[in-house]
Every structure is written in C-alpha cells, then in structure tokens.
Amino acid sequence: MADNATANCNGTIDFSEFLTVMVQKTKETDSEKKICEVFRVFDKDGDGFISVEELCHLMTKLGEKLTDEELEEMIGEADFDGDWQVNYEEFEAMMTSHSD
C-alpha cells in the first residue's frame, strides 16, 4: 500500500495520498456506503469522530510508523472545523474530493 501512495516520492504518506489509495479501493458500486464503512474502521470507539489516537492505531496496524507531527498533519488536512478530530462530513468531503 505504501508504494502506491507515495506519489510525491518523499518516502512518507500524507493524508491526501492515503485517501487517494482508500478511494481507489472503494471505487465500487454504492460509494457512500463504502465511505461510511471506511469511516467506521477509522472511528474505533464509535463516537463519530476520528481522533489522532485512532488514526495512529490504524496506521500502526497498516505498518506505518508515523510521528506525532505527521499524524497531526494528516488530521489537520481533513479537519475543516479546527477541532483536531475528523467527523463523518469532513471525512466524506475528503474522500469524495480525492475521487476525481
């Protein structure tokens, strides 16, 4: 997965690149349902938000060891309201903006 996502060839995956890969994997029928399913994977505690901790947990499971700064940057790219969490609407907006 990492090889497919490092389009900028800097050796790291930013949130935009990660979402591009996720969108490619979910470009099937009923994309809204798929986006919702992906959001639930990220939202481990089911509170309706993706936190830095949840993102860290998932990325670690995927074999990516990111620094706190990288995780915060990833959240910041999708966090439109500045609360340092990503809600479903923000997640969906990021996912659909990367599907073009």
PDB file of N, CA and C in Angstrom:
ATOM      1  N   MET A   1       0.811  -1.175   0.000  1.00  0.00           N
ATOM      2  CA  MET A   1       0.000   0.000   0.000  1.00  0.00           C
ATOM      3  C   MET A   1       0.864   1.252   0.000  1.00  0.00           C
ATOM      4  N   ALA A   2       1.912   1.257   0.777  1.00  0.00           N
ATOM      5  CA  ALA A   2       2.763   2.442   0.879  1.00  0.00           C
ATOM      6  C   ALA A   2       3.376   2.791  -0.469  1.00  0.00           C
ATOM      7  N   ASP A   3       3.773   1.804  -1.245  1.00  0.00           N
ATOM      8  CA  ASP A   3       4.376   2.087  -2.545  1.00  0.00           C
ATOM      9  C   ASP A   3       3.396   2.786  -3.469  1.00  0.00           C
ATOM     10  N   ASN A   4       2.119   2.420  -3.389  1.00  0.00           N
ATOM     11  CA  ASN A   4       1.106   3.032  -4.239  1.00  0.00           C
ATOM     12  C   ASN A   4       0.781   4.449  -3.812  1.00  0.00           C
ATOM     13  N   ALA A   5       1.021   4.784  -2.563  1.00  0.00           N
ATOM     14  CA  ALA A   5       0.564   6.066  -2.033  1.00  0.00           C
ATOM     15  C   ALA A   5       1.619   7.156  -2.042  1.00  0.00           C
ATOM     16  N   THR A   6       2.858   6.820  -2.188  1.00  0.00           N
ATOM     17  CA  THR A   6       3.901   7.847  -2.087  1.00  0.00           C
ATOM     18  C   THR A   6       4.159   8.490  -3.444  1.00  0.00           C
ATOM     19  N   ALA A   7       3.125   9.118  -3.972  1.00  0.00           N
ATOM     20  CA  ALA A   7       3.219   9.734  -5.288  1.00  0.00           C
ATOM     21  C   ALA A   7       4.232  10.863  -5.324  1.00  0.00           C
ATOM     22  N   ASN A   8       4.440  11.521  -4.190  1.00  0.00           N
ATOM     23  CA  ASN A   8       5.396  12.626  -4.186  1.00  0.00           C
ATOM     24  C   ASN A   8       6.818  12.138  -3.943  1.00  0.00           C
ATOM     25  N   CYS A   9       7.013  10.846  -3.808  1.00  0.00           N
ATOM     26  CA  CYS A   9       8.325  10.203  -3.696  1.00  0.00           C
ATOM     27  C   CYS A   9       9.162  10.718  -2.524  1.00  0.00           C
ATOM     28  N   ASN A  10       8.505  11.163  -1.464  1.00  0.00           N
ATOM     29  CA  ASN A  10       9.271  11.627  -0.312  1.00  0.00           C
ATOM     30  C   ASN A  10       9.405  10.561   0.763  1.00  0.00           C
ATOM     31  N   GLY A  11       8.884   9.366   0.504  1.00  0.00           N
ATOM     32  CA  GLY A  11       9.030   8.265   1.449  1.00  0.00           C
ATOM     33  C   GLY A  11       8.006   8.249   2.559  1.00  0.00           C
ATOM     34  N   THR A  12       7.119   9.235   2.604  1.00  0.00           N
ATOM     35  CA  THR A  12       6.065   9.250   3.610  1.00  0.00           C
ATOM     36  C   THR A  12       4.711   9.345   2.915  1.00  0.00           C
ATOM     37  N   ILE A  13       3.683   8.946   3.637  1.00  0.00           N
ATOM     38  CA  ILE A  13       2.329   9.013   3.118  1.00  0.00           C
ATOM     39  C   ILE A  13       1.619  10.157   3.819  1.00  0.00           C
ATOM     40  N   ASP A  14       1.190  11.160   3.054  1.00  0.00           N
ATOM     41  CA  ASP A  14       0.387  12.196   3.685  1.00  0.00           C
ATOM     42  C   ASP A  14      -1.082  11.786   3.581  1.00  0.00           C
ATOM     43  N   PHE A  15      -1.951  12.518   4.266  1.00  0.00           N
ATOM     44  CA  PHE A  15      -3.352  12.128   4.330  1.00  0.00           C
ATOM     45  C   PHE A  15      -3.982  12.120   2.944  1.00  0.00           C
ATOM     46  N   SER A  16      -3.614  13.066   2.121  1.00  0.00           N
ATOM     47  CA  SER A  16      -4.147  13.140   0.775  1.00  0.00           C
ATOM     48  C   SER A  16      -3.795  11.885  -0.026  1.00  0.00           C
ATOM     49  N   GLU A  17      -2.543  11.477   0.056  1.00  0.00           N
ATOM     50  CA  GLU A  17      -2.106  10.267  -0.650  1.00  0.00           C
ATOM     51  C   GLU A  17      -2.806   9.029  -0.093  1.00  0.00           C
ATOM     52  N   PHE A  18      -2.939   8.975   1.231  1.00  0.00           N
ATOM     53  CA  PHE A  18      -3.608   7.840   1.858  1.00  0.00           C
ATOM     54  C   PHE A  18      -5.057   7.761   1.393  1.00  0.00           C
ATOM     55  N   LEU A  19      -5.737   8.912   1.353  1.00  0.00           N
ATOM     56  CA  LEU A  19      -7.123   8.918   0.910  1.00  0.00           C
ATOM     57  C   LEU A  19      -7.244   8.510  -0.547  1.00  0.00           C
ATOM     58  N   THR A  20      -6.284   8.900  -1.364  1.00  0.00           N
ATOM     59  CA  THR A  20      -6.308   8.507  -2.770  1.00  0.00           C
ATOM     60  C   THR A  20      -6.304   6.991  -2.900  1.00  0.00           C
ATOM     61  N   VAL A  21      -5.468   6.329  -2.118  1.00  0.00           N
ATOM     62  CA  VAL A  21      -5.422   4.867  -2.136  1.00  0.00           C
ATOM     63  C   VAL A  21      -6.736   4.284  -1.631  1.00  0.00           C
ATOM     64  N   MET A  22      -7.260   4.854  -0.548  1.00  0.00           N
ATOM     65  CA  MET A  22      -8.521   4.353   0.005  1.00  0.00           C
ATOM     66  C   MET A  22      -9.660   4.527  -0.992  1.00  0.00           C
ATOM     67  N   VAL A  23      -9.688   5.644  -1.701  1.00  0.00           N
ATOM     68  CA  VAL A  23     -10.729   5.878  -2.696  1.00  0.00           C
ATOM     69  C   VAL A  23     -10.605   4.860  -3.820  1.00  0.00           C
ATOM     70  N   GLN A  24      -9.387   4.593  -4.260  1.00  0.00           N
ATOM     71  CA  GLN A  24      -9.185   3.609  -5.317  1.00  0.00           C
ATOM     72  C   GLN A  24      -9.723   2.248  -4.885  1.00  0.00           C
ATOM     73  N   LYS A  25      -9.550   1.918  -3.615  1.00  0.00           N
ATOM     74  CA  LYS A  25     -10.027   0.641  -3.105  1.00  0.00           C
ATOM     75  C   LYS A  25     -11.534   0.611  -2.912  1.00  0.00           C
ATOM     76  N   THR A  26     -12.166   1.780  -2.823  1.00  0.00           N
ATOM     77  CA  THR A  26     -13.609   1.816  -2.593  1.00  0.00           C
ATOM     78  C   THR A  26     -14.399   2.255  -3.815  1.00  0.00           C
ATOM     79  N   LYS A  27     -13.762   2.370  -4.977  1.00  0.00           N
ATOM     80  CA  LYS A  27     -14.471   2.777  -6.189  1.00  0.00           C
ATOM     81  C   LYS A  27     -15.268   1.610  -6.737  1.00  0.00           C
ATOM     82  N   GLU A  28     -16.272   1.243  -6.020  1.00  0.00           N
ATOM     83  CA  GLU A  28     -17.184   0.198  -6.441  1.00  0.00           C
ATOM     84  C   GLU A  28     -18.577   0.802  -6.383  1.00  0.00           C
ATOM     85  N   THR A  29     -19.588  -0.021  -6.603  1.00  0.00           N
ATOM     86  CA  THR A  29     -20.939   0.494  -6.507  1.00  0.00           C
ATOM     87  C   THR A  29     -21.230   0.915  -5.083  1.00  0.00           C
ATOM     88  N   ASP A  30     -22.163   1.859  -4.955  1.00  0.00           N
ATOM     89  CA  ASP A  30     -22.596   2.359  -3.653  1.00  0.00           C
ATOM     90  C   ASP A  30     -21.437   2.949  -2.862  1.00  0.00           C
ATOM     91  N   SER A  31     -20.805   3.955  -3.437  1.00  0.00           N
ATOM     92  CA  SER A  31     -19.612   4.534  -2.828  1.00  0.00           C
ATOM     93  C   SER A  31     -19.898   5.188  -1.479  1.00  0.00           C
ATOM     94  N   GLU A  32     -21.087   5.755  -1.284  1.00  0.00           N
ATOM     95  CA  GLU A  32     -21.395   6.359   0.012  1.00  0.00           C
ATOM     96  C   GLU A  32     -21.370   5.302   1.116  1.00  0.00           C
ATOM     97  N   LYS A  33     -21.891   4.135   0.824  1.00  0.00           N
ATOM     98  CA  LYS A  33     -21.862   3.030   1.799  1.00  0.00           C
ATOM     99  C   LYS A  33     -20.419   2.626   2.089  1.00  0.00           C
ATOM    100  N   LYS A  34     -19.601   2.585   1.061  1.00  0.00           N
ATOM    101  CA  LYS A  34     -18.194   2.221   1.237  1.00  0.00           C
ATOM    102  C   LYS A  34     -17.463   3.268   2.081  1.00  0.00           C
ATOM    103  N   ILE A  35     -17.728   4.549   1.817  1.00  0.00           N
ATOM    104  CA  ILE A  35     -17.098   5.617   2.597  1.00  0.00           C
ATOM    105  C   ILE A  35     -17.497   5.482   4.065  1.00  0.00           C
ATOM    106  N   CYS A  36     -18.766   5.190   4.304  1.00  0.00           N
ATOM    107  CA  CYS A  36     -19.246   5.002   5.669  1.00  0.00           C
ATOM    108  C   CYS A  36     -18.538   3.827   6.341  1.00  0.00           C
ATOM    109  N   GLU A  37     -18.347   2.745   5.617  1.00  0.00           N
ATOM    110  CA  GLU A  37     -17.649   1.575   6.161  1.00  0.00           C
ATOM    111  C   GLU A  37     -16.197   1.910   6.496  1.00  0.00           C
ATOM    112  N   VAL A  38     -15.530   2.648   5.622  1.00  0.00           N
ATOM    113  CA  VAL A  38     -14.142   3.042   5.869  1.00  0.00           C
ATOM    114  C   VAL A  38     -14.083   3.958   7.091  1.00  0.00           C
ATOM    115  N   PHE A  39     -15.046   4.887   7.198  1.00  0.00           N
ATOM    116  CA  PHE A  39     -15.079   5.781   8.357  1.00  0.00           C
ATOM    117  C   PHE A  39     -15.200   4.971   9.650  1.00  0.00           C
ATOM    118  N   ARG A  40     -16.047   3.952   9.645  1.00  0.00           N
ATOM    119  CA  ARG A  40     -16.220   3.118  10.850  1.00  0.00           C
ATOM    120  C   ARG A  40     -14.933   2.396  11.227  1.00  0.00           C
ATOM    121  N   VAL A  41     -14.128   2.036  10.248  1.00  0.00           N
ATOM    122  CA  VAL A  41     -12.837   1.403  10.538  1.00  0.00           C
ATOM    123  C   VAL A  41     -11.931   2.386  11.275  1.00  0.00           C
ATOM    124  N   PHE A  42     -11.917   3.627  10.822  1.00  0.00           N
ATOM    125  CA  PHE A  42     -11.109   4.657  11.474  1.00  0.00           C
ATOM    126  C   PHE A  42     -11.649   5.001  12.861  1.00  0.00           C
ATOM    127  N   ASP A  43     -12.971   5.124  12.969  1.00  0.00           N
ATOM    128  CA  ASP A  43     -13.623   5.553  14.208  1.00  0.00           C
ATOM    129  C   ASP A  43     -13.772   4.359  15.152  1.00  0.00           C
ATOM    130  N   LYS A  44     -12.653   3.966  15.716  1.00  0.00           N
ATOM    131  CA  LYS A  44     -12.589   2.748  16.521  1.00  0.00           C
ATOM    132  C   LYS A  44     -13.550   2.756  17.710  1.00  0.00           C
ATOM    133  N   ASP A  45     -13.707   3.901  18.379  1.00  0.00           N
ATOM    134  CA  ASP A  45     -14.569   3.935  19.561  1.00  0.00           C
ATOM    135  C   ASP A  45     -16.031   4.267  19.241  1.00  0.00           C
ATOM    136  N   GLY A  46     -16.321   4.511  17.966  1.00  0.00           N
ATOM    137  CA  GLY A  46     -17.695   4.726  17.534  1.00  0.00           C
ATOM    138  C   GLY A  46     -18.327   6.025  17.990  1.00  0.00           C
ATOM    139  N   ASP A  47     -17.509   7.036  18.334  1.00  0.00           N
ATOM    140  CA  ASP A  47     -18.060   8.302  18.821  1.00  0.00           C
ATOM    141  C   ASP A  47     -18.391   9.295  17.709  1.00  0.00           C
ATOM    142  N   GLY A  48     -18.169   8.894  16.452  1.00  0.00           N
ATOM    143  CA  GLY A  48     -18.483   9.772  15.334  1.00  0.00           C
ATOM    144  C   GLY A  48     -17.353  10.686  14.907  1.00  0.00           C
ATOM    145  N   PHE A  49     -16.175  10.497  15.499  1.00  0.00           N
ATOM    146  CA  PHE A  49     -15.005  11.304  15.176  1.00  0.00           C
ATOM    147  C   PHE A  49     -13.779  10.415  15.027  1.00  0.00           C
ATOM    148  N   ILE A  50     -12.872  10.814  14.135  1.00  0.00           N
ATOM    149  CA  ILE A  50     -11.567  10.166  14.026  1.00  0.00           C
ATOM    150  C   ILE A  50     -10.580  11.061  14.751  1.00  0.00           C
ATOM    151  N   SER A  51      -9.985  10.531  15.802  1.00  0.00           N
ATOM    152  CA  SER A  51      -9.015  11.286  16.595  1.00  0.00           C
ATOM    153  C   SER A  51      -7.602  10.962  16.120  1.00  0.00           C
ATOM    154  N   VAL A  52      -6.656  11.734  16.584  1.00  0.00           N
ATOM    155  CA  VAL A  52      -5.246  11.461  16.292  1.00  0.00           C
ATOM    156  C   VAL A  52      -4.892  10.064  16.786  1.00  0.00           C
ATOM    157  N   GLU A  53      -5.386   9.696  17.963  1.00  0.00           N
ATOM    158  CA  GLU A  53      -5.088   8.376  18.533  1.00  0.00           C
ATOM    159  C   GLU A  53      -5.642   7.251  17.668  1.00  0.00           C
ATOM    160  N   GLU A  54      -6.870   7.427  17.170  1.00  0.00           N
ATOM    161  CA  GLU A  54      -7.466   6.400  16.311  1.00  0.00           C
ATOM    162  C   GLU A  54      -6.714   6.285  14.997  1.00  0.00           C
ATOM    163  N   LEU A  55      -6.325   7.409  14.432  1.00  0.00           N
ATOM    164  CA  LEU A  55      -5.541   7.391  13.203  1.00  0.00           C
ATOM    165  C   LEU A  55      -4.210   6.695  13.435  1.00  0.00           C
ATOM    166  N   CYS A  56      -3.570   6.997  14.557  1.00  0.00           N
ATOM    167  CA  CYS A  56      -2.299   6.360  14.913  1.00  0.00           C
ATOM    168  C   CYS A  56      -2.470   4.848  15.005  1.00  0.00           C
ATOM    169  N   HIS A  57      -3.528   4.411  15.677  1.00  0.00           N
ATOM    170  CA  HIS A  57      -3.787   2.978  15.843  1.00  0.00           C
ATOM    171  C   HIS A  57      -3.937   2.293  14.483  1.00  0.00           C
ATOM    172  N   LEU A  58      -4.746   2.878  13.609  1.00  0.00           N
ATOM    173  CA  LEU A  58      -4.977   2.272  12.299  1.00  0.00           C
ATOM    174  C   LEU A  58      -3.711   2.261  11.455  1.00  0.00           C
ATOM    175  N   MET A  59      -2.999   3.370  11.428  1.00  0.00           N
ATOM    176  CA  MET A  59      -1.787   3.440  10.613  1.00  0.00           C
ATOM    177  C   MET A  59      -0.741   2.446  11.128  1.00  0.00           C
ATOM    178  N   THR A  60      -0.654   2.269  12.437  1.00  0.00           N
ATOM    179  CA  THR A  60       0.265   1.285  13.009  1.00  0.00           C
ATOM    180  C   THR A  60      -0.130  -0.115  12.564  1.00  0.00           C
ATOM    181  N   LYS A  61      -1.431  -0.412  12.579  1.00  0.00           N
ATOM    182  CA  LYS A  61      -1.916  -1.721  12.115  1.00  0.00           C
ATOM    183  C   LYS A  61      -1.584  -1.942  10.638  1.00  0.00           C
ATOM    184  N   LEU A  62      -1.539  -0.850   9.887  1.00  0.00           N
ATOM    185  CA  LEU A  62      -1.215  -0.950   8.460  1.00  0.00           C
ATOM    186  C   LEU A  62       0.294  -0.960   8.206  1.00  0.00           C
ATOM    187  N   GLY A  63       1.073  -0.925   9.294  1.00  0.00           N
ATOM    188  CA  GLY A  63       2.521  -0.994   9.162  1.00  0.00           C
ATOM    189  C   GLY A  63       3.209   0.343   8.998  1.00  0.00           C
ATOM    190  N   GLU A  64       2.476   1.428   9.180  1.00  0.00           N
ATOM    191  CA  GLU A  64       3.048   2.763   9.044  1.00  0.00           C
ATOM    192  C   GLU A  64       3.366   3.310  10.429  1.00  0.00           C
ATOM    193  N   LYS A  65       4.615   3.651  10.661  1.00  0.00           N
ATOM    194  CA  LYS A  65       5.015   4.261  11.925  1.00  0.00           C
ATOM    195  C   LYS A  65       5.213   5.751  11.674  1.00  0.00           C
ATOM    196  N   LEU A  66       4.251   6.528  12.138  1.00  0.00           N
ATOM    197  CA  LEU A  66       4.270   7.965  11.892  1.00  0.00           C
ATOM    198  C   LEU A  66       4.578   8.728  13.168  1.00  0.00           C
ATOM    199  N   THR A  67       5.208   9.867  13.003  1.00  0.00           N
ATOM    200  CA  THR A  67       5.489  10.729  14.157  1.00  0.00           C
ATOM    201  C   THR A  67       4.201  11.444  14.562  1.00  0.00           C
ATOM    202  N   ASP A  68       4.200  12.013  15.758  1.00  0.00           N
ATOM    203  CA  ASP A  68       3.047  12.798  16.206  1.00  0.00           C
ATOM    204  C   ASP A  68       2.768  13.933  15.242  1.00  0.00           C
ATOM    205  N   GLU A  69       3.821  14.574  14.745  1.00  0.00           N
ATOM    206  CA  GLU A  69       3.646  15.683  13.806  1.00  0.00           C
ATOM    207  C   GLU A  69       2.986  15.221  12.511  1.00  0.00           C
ATOM    208  N   GLU A  70       3.396  14.052  12.007  1.00  0.00           N
ATOM    209  CA  GLU A  70       2.797  13.526  10.778  1.00  0.00           C
ATOM    210  C   GLU A  70       1.328  13.190  10.994  1.00  0.00           C
ATOM    211  N   LEU A  71       1.009  12.602  12.141  1.00  0.00           N
ATOM    212  CA  LEU A  71      -0.386  12.276  12.446  1.00  0.00           C
ATOM    213  C   LEU A  71      -1.232  13.544  12.562  1.00  0.00           C
ATOM    214  N   GLU A  72      -0.696  14.539  13.251  1.00  0.00           N
ATOM    215  CA  GLU A  72      -1.419  15.799  13.395  1.00  0.00           C
ATOM    216  C   GLU A  72      -1.615  16.476  12.042  1.00  0.00           C
ATOM    217  N   GLU A  73      -0.622  16.381  11.180  1.00  0.00           N
ATOM    218  CA  GLU A  73      -0.740  16.957   9.839  1.00  0.00           C
ATOM    219  C   GLU A  73      -1.836  16.252   9.051  1.00  0.00           C
ATOM    220  N   MET A  74      -1.885  14.925   9.160  1.00  0.00           N
ATOM    221  CA  MET A  74      -2.908  14.160   8.456  1.00  0.00           C
ATOM    222  C   MET A  74      -4.305  14.556   8.939  1.00  0.00           C
ATOM    223  N   ILE A  75      -4.478  14.646  10.253  1.00  0.00           N
ATOM    224  CA  ILE A  75      -5.776  15.054  10.796  1.00  0.00           C
ATOM    225  C   ILE A  75      -6.091  16.479  10.344  1.00  0.00           C
ATOM    226  N   GLY A  76      -5.092  17.363  10.410  1.00  0.00           N
ATOM    227  CA  GLY A  76      -5.294  18.753  10.032  1.00  0.00           C
ATOM    228  C   GLY A  76      -5.750  18.936   8.602  1.00  0.00           C
ATOM    229  N   GLU A  77      -5.317  18.054   7.705  1.00  0.00           N
ATOM    230  CA  GLU A  77      -5.719  18.146   6.299  1.00  0.00           C
ATOM    231  C   GLU A  77      -7.206  17.891   6.109  1.00  0.00           C
ATOM    232  N   ALA A  78      -7.794  17.079   6.969  1.00  0.00           N
ATOM    233  CA  ALA A  78      -9.209  16.735   6.820  1.00  0.00           C
ATOM    234  C   ALA A  78     -10.102  17.481   7.800  1.00  0.00           C
ATOM    235  N   ASP A  79      -9.513  18.085   8.807  1.00  0.00           N
ATOM    236  CA  ASP A  79     -10.264  18.742   9.882  1.00  0.00           C
ATOM    237  C   ASP A  79     -10.610  20.171   9.485  1.00  0.00           C
ATOM    238  N   PHE A  80     -11.788  20.346   8.894  1.00  0.00           N
ATOM    239  CA  PHE A  80     -12.184  21.650   8.383  1.00  0.00           C
ATOM    240  C   PHE A  80     -12.639  22.611   9.479  1.00  0.00           C
ATOM    241  N   ASP A  81     -13.116  22.083  10.614  1.00  0.00           N
ATOM    242  CA  ASP A  81     -13.631  22.978  11.654  1.00  0.00           C
ATOM    243  C   ASP A  81     -12.632  23.259  12.774  1.00  0.00           C
ATOM    244  N   GLY A  82     -11.433  22.688  12.691  1.00  0.00           N
ATOM    245  CA  GLY A  82     -10.365  23.011  13.633  1.00  0.00           C
ATOM    246  C   GLY A  82     -10.469  22.401  15.007  1.00  0.00           C
ATOM    247  N   ASP A  83     -11.246  21.325  15.167  1.00  0.00           N
ATOM    248  CA  ASP A  83     -11.377  20.711  16.484  1.00  0.00           C
ATOM    249  C   ASP A  83     -10.406  19.539  16.700  1.00  0.00           C
ATOM    250  N   TRP A  84      -9.499  19.311  15.764  1.00  0.00           N
ATOM    251  CA  TRP A  84      -8.485  18.249  15.802  1.00  0.00           C
ATOM    252  C   TRP A  84      -9.081  16.851  15.848  1.00  0.00           C
ATOM    253  N   GLN A  85     -10.286  16.747  15.280  1.00  0.00           N
ATOM    254  CA  GLN A  85     -10.942  15.470  15.047  1.00  0.00           C
ATOM    255  C   GLN A  85     -11.585  15.562  13.676  1.00  0.00           C
ATOM    256  N   VAL A  86     -11.807  14.423  13.057  1.00  0.00           N
ATOM    257  CA  VAL A  86     -12.449  14.399  11.750  1.00  0.00           C
ATOM    258  C   VAL A  86     -13.815  13.739  11.920  1.00  0.00           C
ATOM    259  N   ASN A  87     -14.876  14.504  11.648  1.00  0.00           N
ATOM    260  CA  ASN A  87     -16.214  13.915  11.716  1.00  0.00           C
ATOM    261  C   ASN A  87     -16.547  13.297  10.359  1.00  0.00           C
ATOM    262  N   TYR A  88     -17.718  12.647  10.282  1.00  0.00           N
ATOM    263  CA  TYR A  88     -18.073  11.948   9.054  1.00  0.00           C
ATOM    264  C   TYR A  88     -18.160  12.899   7.854  1.00  0.00           C
ATOM    265  N   GLU A  89     -18.749  14.064   8.048  1.00  0.00           N
ATOM    266  CA  GLU A  89     -18.905  15.003   6.940  1.00  0.00           C
ATOM    267  C   GLU A  89     -17.540  15.440   6.402  1.00  0.00           C
ATOM    268  N   GLU A  90     -16.609  15.702   7.297  1.00  0.00           N
ATOM    269  CA  GLU A  90     -15.262  16.092   6.870  1.00  0.00           C
ATOM    270  C   GLU A  90     -14.581  14.934   6.140  1.00  0.00           C
ATOM    271  N   PHE A  91     -14.740  13.726   6.674  1.00  0.00           N
ATOM    272  CA  PHE A  91     -14.151  12.537   6.066  1.00  0.00           C
ATOM    273  C   PHE A  91     -14.726  12.303   4.677  1.00  0.00           C
ATOM    274  N   GLU A  92     -16.039  12.390   4.575  1.00  0.00           N
ATOM    275  CA  GLU A  92     -16.697  12.183   3.285  1.00  0.00           C
ATOM    276  C   GLU A  92     -16.245  13.239   2.277  1.00  0.00           C
ATOM    277  N   ALA A  93     -16.138  14.485   2.715  1.00  0.00           N
ATOM    278  CA  ALA A  93     -15.681  15.554   1.818  1.00  0.00           C
ATOM    279  C   ALA A  93     -14.274  15.269   1.313  1.00  0.00           C
ATOM    280  N   MET A  94     -13.393  14.822   2.197  1.00  0.00           N
ATOM    281  CA  MET A  94     -12.018  14.492   1.782  1.00  0.00           C
ATOM    282  C   MET A  94     -12.018  13.309   0.823  1.00  0.00           C
ATOM    283  N   MET A  95     -12.803  12.285   1.135  1.00  0.00           N
ATOM    284  CA  MET A  95     -12.846  11.094   0.279  1.00  0.00           C
ATOM    285  C   MET A  95     -13.390  11.432  -1.104  1.00  0.00           C
ATOM    286  N   THR A  96     -14.453  12.193  -1.161  1.00  0.00           N
ATOM    287  CA  THR A  96     -15.043  12.495  -2.471  1.00  0.00           C
ATOM    288  C   THR A  96     -14.212  13.493  -3.248  1.00  0.00           C
ATOM    289  N   SER A  97     -13.489  14.377  -2.563  1.00  0.00           N
ATOM    290  CA  SER A  97     -12.632  15.321  -3.290  1.00  0.00           C
ATOM    291  C   SER A  97     -11.424  14.628  -3.896  1.00  0.00           C
ATOM    292  N   HIS A  98     -11.072  13.441  -3.400  1.00  0.00           N
ATOM    293  CA  HIS A  98      -9.938  12.691  -3.930  1.00  0.00           C
ATOM    294  C   HIS A  98     -10.365  11.617  -4.917  1.00  0.00           C
ATOM    295  N   SER A  99     -11.651  11.574  -5.245  1.00  0.00           N
ATOM    296  CA  SER A  99     -12.119  10.547  -6.179  1.00  0.00           C
ATOM    297  C   SER A  99     -12.166  11.047  -7.606  1.00  0.00           C
ATOM    298  N   ASP A 100     -11.869  12.309  -7.813  1.00  0.00           N
ATOM    299  CA  ASP A 100     -11.926  12.896  -9.168  1.00  0.00           C
ATOM    300  C   ASP A 100     -10.752  12.476 -10.015  1.00  0.00           C
TER     301      ASP A 100
END
